[in-house]
Amino acid sequence: MKAYLSRRGFIGLTAAAGLSAGRSPSASAAPGRPGPIRAVAFDAFTVFDRRPIDSAAEDIFPGAGTTLIEAWRVRQFEYTWLRTLSGTYTDFWTVTEDALEFAVQQCKLRLNPAGREQLMGAWLRLTPWPDAPAAVRTFKDRGLHLAFLSDATVTMLDSWVTNAGLDDVFCPHLSTDRVKAFKPDPRAYQLGEDAFGIPRTQIAFSAHGGWDAAGAAAFGYRTFWVNRSDAPAERLSATPEATGVDLTQLVEFVDERS
């Protein structure tokens, strides 16, 4: 519950910080006819499965892997949010390493260099969810622009795309490393509108986390929450346009609005 509350609180804090810094949404977010969806921006984890990292943790710490993963994941995203708010940016790979060190200590575990290398290396070996390759190729065949709008570094994204055999599908990666601010900061979401060159109301955003779905919806994207874990909806004012369990349903969502 503590982590869940921090996610809700952070989005409100980020919105306030963005407004105080003069980063208000651009004119294209104004109400009006949205038009057809012409591009899809993906959070990487709607396409790629993080469970190999969970398996690596359990291999190294039998019986304690799940506890470590939970602590690691919470701290990983809290660090992205805190670094964005405090103006002390460092990239997602470094944040992930720092969060691992914290989580190991928090869980009172001992991690040797070989184990650390195994856990961090697992982050470069992610493979797609079973429904993902066919879905993204469907979008490509229909002429939509596709890109990852992700906190992950370009190196991480390149590795995952190559593992999946999807190198020919996506536009250049929109890593938030470009703007030195993690989602849900408005500067991060602005990457999609700038790269595609079309209004955000004609861009579908495929969100993995409920907090990201709320952030993208607040920004003005046509947001679809791929809620693979059946998580509860965030208690926030902005909500996704639709929710489903996989990318097959995202294809249906886009088809109805294209």
Protein backbone atom coordinates (compact mmCIF):
# COMPACT_ATOMS: atom_id res chain seq x y z
CA MET A 1 0.00 0.00 0.00
CA LYS A 2 2.84 2.37 0.78
CA ALA A 3 4.27 2.09 -2.74
CA TYR A 4 0.82 2.46 -4.28
CA LEU A 5 0.22 5.68 -2.41
CA SER A 6 3.61 7.05 -3.46
CA ARG A 7 2.73 6.52 -7.13
CA ARG A 8 -0.49 8.49 -6.76
CA GLY A 9 1.20 11.25 -4.83
CA PHE A 10 4.05 11.53 -7.29
CA ILE A 11 1.84 12.21 -10.30
CA GLY A 12 0.17 15.06 -8.47
CA LEU A 13 3.55 16.44 -7.42
CA THR A 14 4.89 16.17 -10.97
CA ALA A 15 1.92 18.04 -12.39
CA ALA A 16 2.43 20.81 -9.87
CA ALA A 17 6.16 20.92 -10.58
CA GLY A 18 5.56 21.06 -14.35
CA LEU A 19 3.15 23.98 -14.02
CA SER A 20 5.44 25.88 -11.67
CA ALA A 21 8.28 25.46 -14.16
CA GLY A 22 6.14 26.74 -17.01
CA ARG A 23 5.82 23.33 -18.69
CA SER A 24 2.09 23.56 -19.41
CA PRO A 25 0.57 21.41 -22.17
CA SER A 26 0.83 22.85 -25.66
CA ALA A 27 -2.11 24.16 -27.63
CA SER A 28 -2.61 20.83 -29.39
CA ALA A 29 -4.00 19.42 -26.16
CA ALA A 30 -6.99 21.75 -26.33
CA PRO A 31 -10.42 20.10 -26.56
CA GLY A 32 -11.72 19.41 -30.03
CA ARG A 33 -12.26 16.63 -32.50
CA PRO A 34 -9.44 14.15 -31.95
CA GLY A 35 -9.30 12.77 -35.48
CA PRO A 36 -8.15 9.25 -36.36
CA ILE A 37 -5.28 7.55 -34.57
CA ARG A 38 -2.22 7.73 -36.81
CA ALA A 39 0.58 6.62 -34.49
CA VAL A 40 1.13 4.40 -31.46
CA ALA A 41 3.67 5.09 -28.72
CA PHE A 42 4.45 2.14 -26.47
CA ASP A 43 5.69 1.89 -22.97
CA ALA A 44 8.26 -0.87 -23.45
CA PHE A 45 6.77 -3.20 -20.85
CA THR A 46 3.53 -3.52 -22.79
CA VAL A 47 5.61 -5.30 -25.44
CA PHE A 48 8.41 -6.91 -23.41
CA ASP A 49 8.06 -9.33 -20.51
CA ARG A 50 10.09 -8.59 -17.36
CA ARG A 51 9.57 -12.02 -15.82
CA PRO A 52 13.05 -13.31 -16.80
CA ILE A 53 14.42 -10.85 -14.25
CA ASP A 54 12.12 -12.37 -11.62
CA SER A 55 13.45 -15.83 -12.51
CA ALA A 56 17.05 -14.65 -12.23
CA ALA A 57 16.37 -13.24 -8.77
CA GLU A 58 14.84 -16.50 -7.60
CA ASP A 59 17.81 -18.46 -8.99
CA ILE A 60 20.22 -16.35 -6.95
CA PHE A 61 18.06 -16.06 -3.83
CA PRO A 62 15.85 -19.18 -3.62
CA GLY A 63 12.75 -18.37 -1.60
CA ALA A 64 13.62 -14.66 -1.40
CA GLY A 65 13.64 -13.69 -5.08
CA THR A 66 10.08 -12.37 -5.08
CA THR A 67 10.75 -10.19 -2.04
CA LEU A 68 13.84 -8.75 -3.68
CA ILE A 69 12.06 -8.07 -6.97
CA GLU A 70 9.22 -6.25 -5.24
CA ALA A 71 11.62 -4.03 -3.30
CA TRP A 72 13.80 -3.46 -6.37
CA ARG A 73 10.91 -2.52 -8.64
CA VAL A 74 9.38 -0.08 -6.16
CA ARG A 75 12.68 1.66 -5.50
CA GLN A 76 13.57 1.71 -9.21
CA PHE A 77 10.54 3.78 -10.15
CA GLU A 78 10.63 5.89 -7.01
CA TYR A 79 14.19 6.88 -7.96
CA THR A 80 13.07 7.92 -11.45
CA TRP A 81 10.38 10.11 -9.98
CA LEU A 82 12.57 11.60 -7.24
CA ARG A 83 15.41 12.32 -9.64
CA THR A 84 13.02 14.08 -12.02
CA LEU A 85 11.49 16.20 -9.28
CA SER A 86 14.85 17.09 -7.74
CA GLY A 87 16.61 17.81 -11.04
CA THR A 88 19.27 15.16 -10.40
CA TYR A 89 18.75 13.04 -13.50
CA THR A 90 20.70 9.91 -14.29
CA ASP A 91 19.73 7.31 -16.86
CA PHE A 92 17.45 4.32 -16.29
CA TRP A 93 20.27 1.78 -16.32
CA THR A 94 22.05 3.61 -13.50
CA VAL A 95 18.80 4.06 -11.60
CA THR A 96 18.20 0.31 -11.92
CA GLU A 97 21.66 -0.50 -10.54
CA ASP A 98 21.21 1.91 -7.64
CA ALA A 99 17.77 0.50 -6.84
CA LEU A 100 19.19 -3.03 -6.83
CA GLU A 101 21.86 -2.09 -4.30
CA PHE A 102 19.23 -0.49 -2.07
CA ALA A 103 16.83 -3.43 -2.36
CA VAL A 104 19.53 -5.98 -1.51
CA GLN A 105 20.36 -4.07 1.66
CA GLN A 106 16.71 -3.53 2.53
CA CYS A 107 16.05 -7.27 2.21
CA LYS A 108 19.23 -8.04 4.22
CA LEU A 109 20.68 -10.18 1.43
CA ARG A 110 24.26 -10.57 0.24
CA LEU A 111 24.89 -10.17 -3.49
CA ASN A 112 28.26 -11.07 -4.95
CA PRO A 113 29.62 -9.55 -8.19
CA ALA A 114 28.59 -12.57 -10.27
CA GLY A 115 25.02 -12.35 -8.97
CA ARG A 116 24.89 -8.62 -9.62
CA GLU A 117 26.08 -9.19 -13.19
CA GLN A 118 23.46 -11.92 -13.66
CA LEU A 119 20.63 -9.71 -12.43
CA MET A 120 21.63 -6.65 -14.43
CA GLY A 121 22.36 -8.77 -17.49
CA ALA A 122 18.83 -10.14 -17.33
CA TRP A 123 17.63 -6.63 -18.15
CA LEU A 124 19.20 -6.97 -21.61
CA ARG A 125 17.59 -10.33 -22.35
CA LEU A 126 13.91 -9.46 -22.23
CA THR A 127 11.69 -11.09 -24.85
CA PRO A 128 8.21 -10.07 -26.05
CA TRP A 129 4.90 -11.13 -24.62
CA PRO A 130 3.37 -13.83 -26.87
CA ASP A 131 0.73 -11.49 -28.30
CA ALA A 132 3.11 -8.61 -29.00
CA PRO A 133 4.94 -9.42 -32.27
CA ALA A 134 1.77 -10.06 -34.29
CA ALA A 135 0.08 -6.97 -32.84
CA VAL A 136 2.88 -4.53 -33.62
CA ARG A 137 3.30 -5.97 -37.12
CA THR A 138 -0.43 -5.49 -37.68
CA PHE A 139 0.01 -1.81 -36.86
CA LYS A 140 3.03 -1.59 -39.14
CA ASP A 141 1.18 -3.23 -42.03
CA ARG A 142 -1.64 -0.70 -41.64
CA GLY A 143 0.74 2.21 -42.02
CA LEU A 144 0.77 3.54 -38.45
CA HIS A 145 3.89 5.17 -37.04
CA LEU A 146 5.25 3.16 -34.09
CA ALA A 147 7.84 4.00 -31.44
CA PHE A 148 8.76 3.20 -27.88
CA LEU A 149 8.23 6.09 -25.50
CA SER A 150 10.09 4.62 -22.58
CA ASP A 151 12.21 5.42 -19.56
CA ALA A 152 14.62 2.69 -20.68
CA THR A 153 17.88 3.67 -22.35
CA VAL A 154 18.38 3.28 -26.09
CA THR A 155 20.84 0.43 -25.44
CA MET A 156 18.22 -1.46 -23.44
CA LEU A 157 15.52 -0.87 -26.04
CA ASP A 158 17.83 -1.89 -28.90
CA SER A 159 18.63 -5.13 -27.11
CA TRP A 160 14.96 -6.01 -26.54
CA VAL A 161 13.92 -5.17 -30.09
CA THR A 162 16.74 -7.28 -31.52
CA ASN A 163 15.85 -10.19 -29.21
CA ALA A 164 12.30 -10.01 -30.57
CA GLY A 165 13.29 -9.75 -34.25
CA LEU A 166 11.38 -6.47 -34.55
CA ASP A 167 14.17 -4.19 -35.79
CA ASP A 168 12.22 -3.28 -38.93
CA VAL A 169 9.03 -2.23 -37.12
CA PHE A 170 9.72 0.82 -34.97
CA CYS A 171 10.73 4.42 -35.53
CA PRO A 172 13.78 5.64 -33.56
CA HIS A 173 13.34 5.08 -29.84
CA LEU A 174 11.92 7.92 -27.77
CA SER A 175 13.92 7.23 -24.64
CA THR A 176 13.20 9.80 -21.97
CA ASP A 177 16.97 10.05 -21.70
CA ARG A 178 16.62 12.59 -24.53
CA VAL A 179 14.98 15.14 -22.24
CA LYS A 180 16.56 14.04 -18.93
CA ALA A 181 13.16 13.62 -17.30
CA PHE A 182 11.27 10.41 -16.61
CA LYS A 183 7.56 9.79 -17.07
CA PRO A 184 5.09 11.11 -15.99
CA ASP A 185 6.82 14.46 -16.48
CA PRO A 186 5.15 16.28 -19.43
CA ARG A 187 8.55 16.70 -21.11
CA ALA A 188 8.75 12.93 -21.45
CA TYR A 189 5.34 12.57 -23.08
CA GLN A 190 6.06 15.53 -25.38
CA LEU A 191 8.67 13.36 -27.12
CA GLY A 192 5.93 11.47 -28.97
CA GLU A 193 4.14 14.50 -30.34
CA ASP A 194 7.42 16.08 -31.44
CA ALA A 195 8.74 12.92 -33.10
CA PHE A 196 5.56 11.93 -34.92
CA GLY A 197 4.74 15.49 -35.92
CA ILE A 198 1.02 15.00 -35.29
CA PRO A 199 -1.31 16.14 -32.50
CA ARG A 200 -1.30 14.07 -29.33
CA THR A 201 -5.03 13.51 -29.83
CA GLN A 202 -4.12 11.34 -32.83
CA ILE A 203 -1.52 9.30 -30.95
CA ALA A 204 -2.43 6.17 -29.01
CA PHE A 205 -0.29 5.54 -25.96
CA SER A 206 0.08 1.96 -24.76
CA ALA A 207 0.68 2.09 -20.99
CA HIS A 208 1.88 -0.74 -18.77
CA GLY A 209 1.52 0.85 -15.34
CA GLY A 210 -1.66 2.45 -14.06
CA TRP A 211 0.32 5.53 -13.03
CA ASP A 212 1.71 5.83 -16.60
CA ALA A 213 -1.78 5.45 -18.04
CA ALA A 214 -2.95 8.30 -15.82
CA GLY A 215 0.03 10.46 -16.75
CA ALA A 216 -0.39 9.90 -20.49
CA ALA A 217 -4.12 10.56 -20.29
CA ALA A 218 -3.51 13.79 -18.40
CA PHE A 219 -1.09 14.82 -21.14
CA GLY A 220 -3.75 14.23 -23.77
CA TYR A 221 -2.81 10.97 -25.46
CA ARG A 222 -5.46 8.46 -26.54
CA THR A 223 -4.40 6.17 -23.76
CA PHE A 224 -4.93 2.41 -23.61
CA TRP A 225 -3.89 0.68 -20.39
CA VAL A 226 -2.51 -2.82 -21.05
CA ASN A 227 -3.32 -4.14 -17.58
CA ARG A 228 -1.75 -7.59 -17.75
CA SER A 229 -1.66 -8.02 -13.97
CA ASP A 230 -5.30 -7.07 -13.28
CA ALA A 231 -4.15 -4.19 -11.09
CA PRO A 232 -6.72 -1.80 -9.59
CA ALA A 233 -7.20 1.56 -11.26
CA GLU A 234 -5.26 4.46 -9.79
CA ARG A 235 -7.35 6.96 -7.80
CA LEU A 236 -6.45 9.92 -9.99
CA SER A 237 -8.44 12.46 -11.96
CA ALA A 238 -7.04 11.39 -15.36
CA THR A 239 -8.04 7.95 -16.61
CA PRO A 240 -7.20 5.95 -19.75
CA GLU A 241 -9.64 5.94 -22.63
CA ALA A 242 -9.80 2.15 -22.49
CA THR A 243 -8.26 -0.84 -20.73
CA GLY A 244 -7.45 -4.37 -21.85
CA VAL A 245 -5.28 -7.31 -20.97
CA ASP A 246 -2.99 -7.53 -24.01
CA LEU A 247 -1.98 -5.94 -27.29
CA THR A 248 -4.62 -7.82 -29.25
CA GLN A 249 -7.17 -5.61 -27.53
CA LEU A 250 -5.02 -2.57 -28.24
CA VAL A 251 -5.28 -3.40 -31.95
CA GLU A 252 -9.08 -3.45 -31.61
CA PHE A 253 -8.99 -0.12 -29.77
CA VAL A 254 -6.91 1.54 -32.49
CA ASP A 255 -8.97 -0.01 -35.31
CA GLU A 256 -12.15 1.50 -33.88
CA ARG A 257 -10.55 4.95 -33.81
CA SER A 258 -8.57 4.97 -37.06
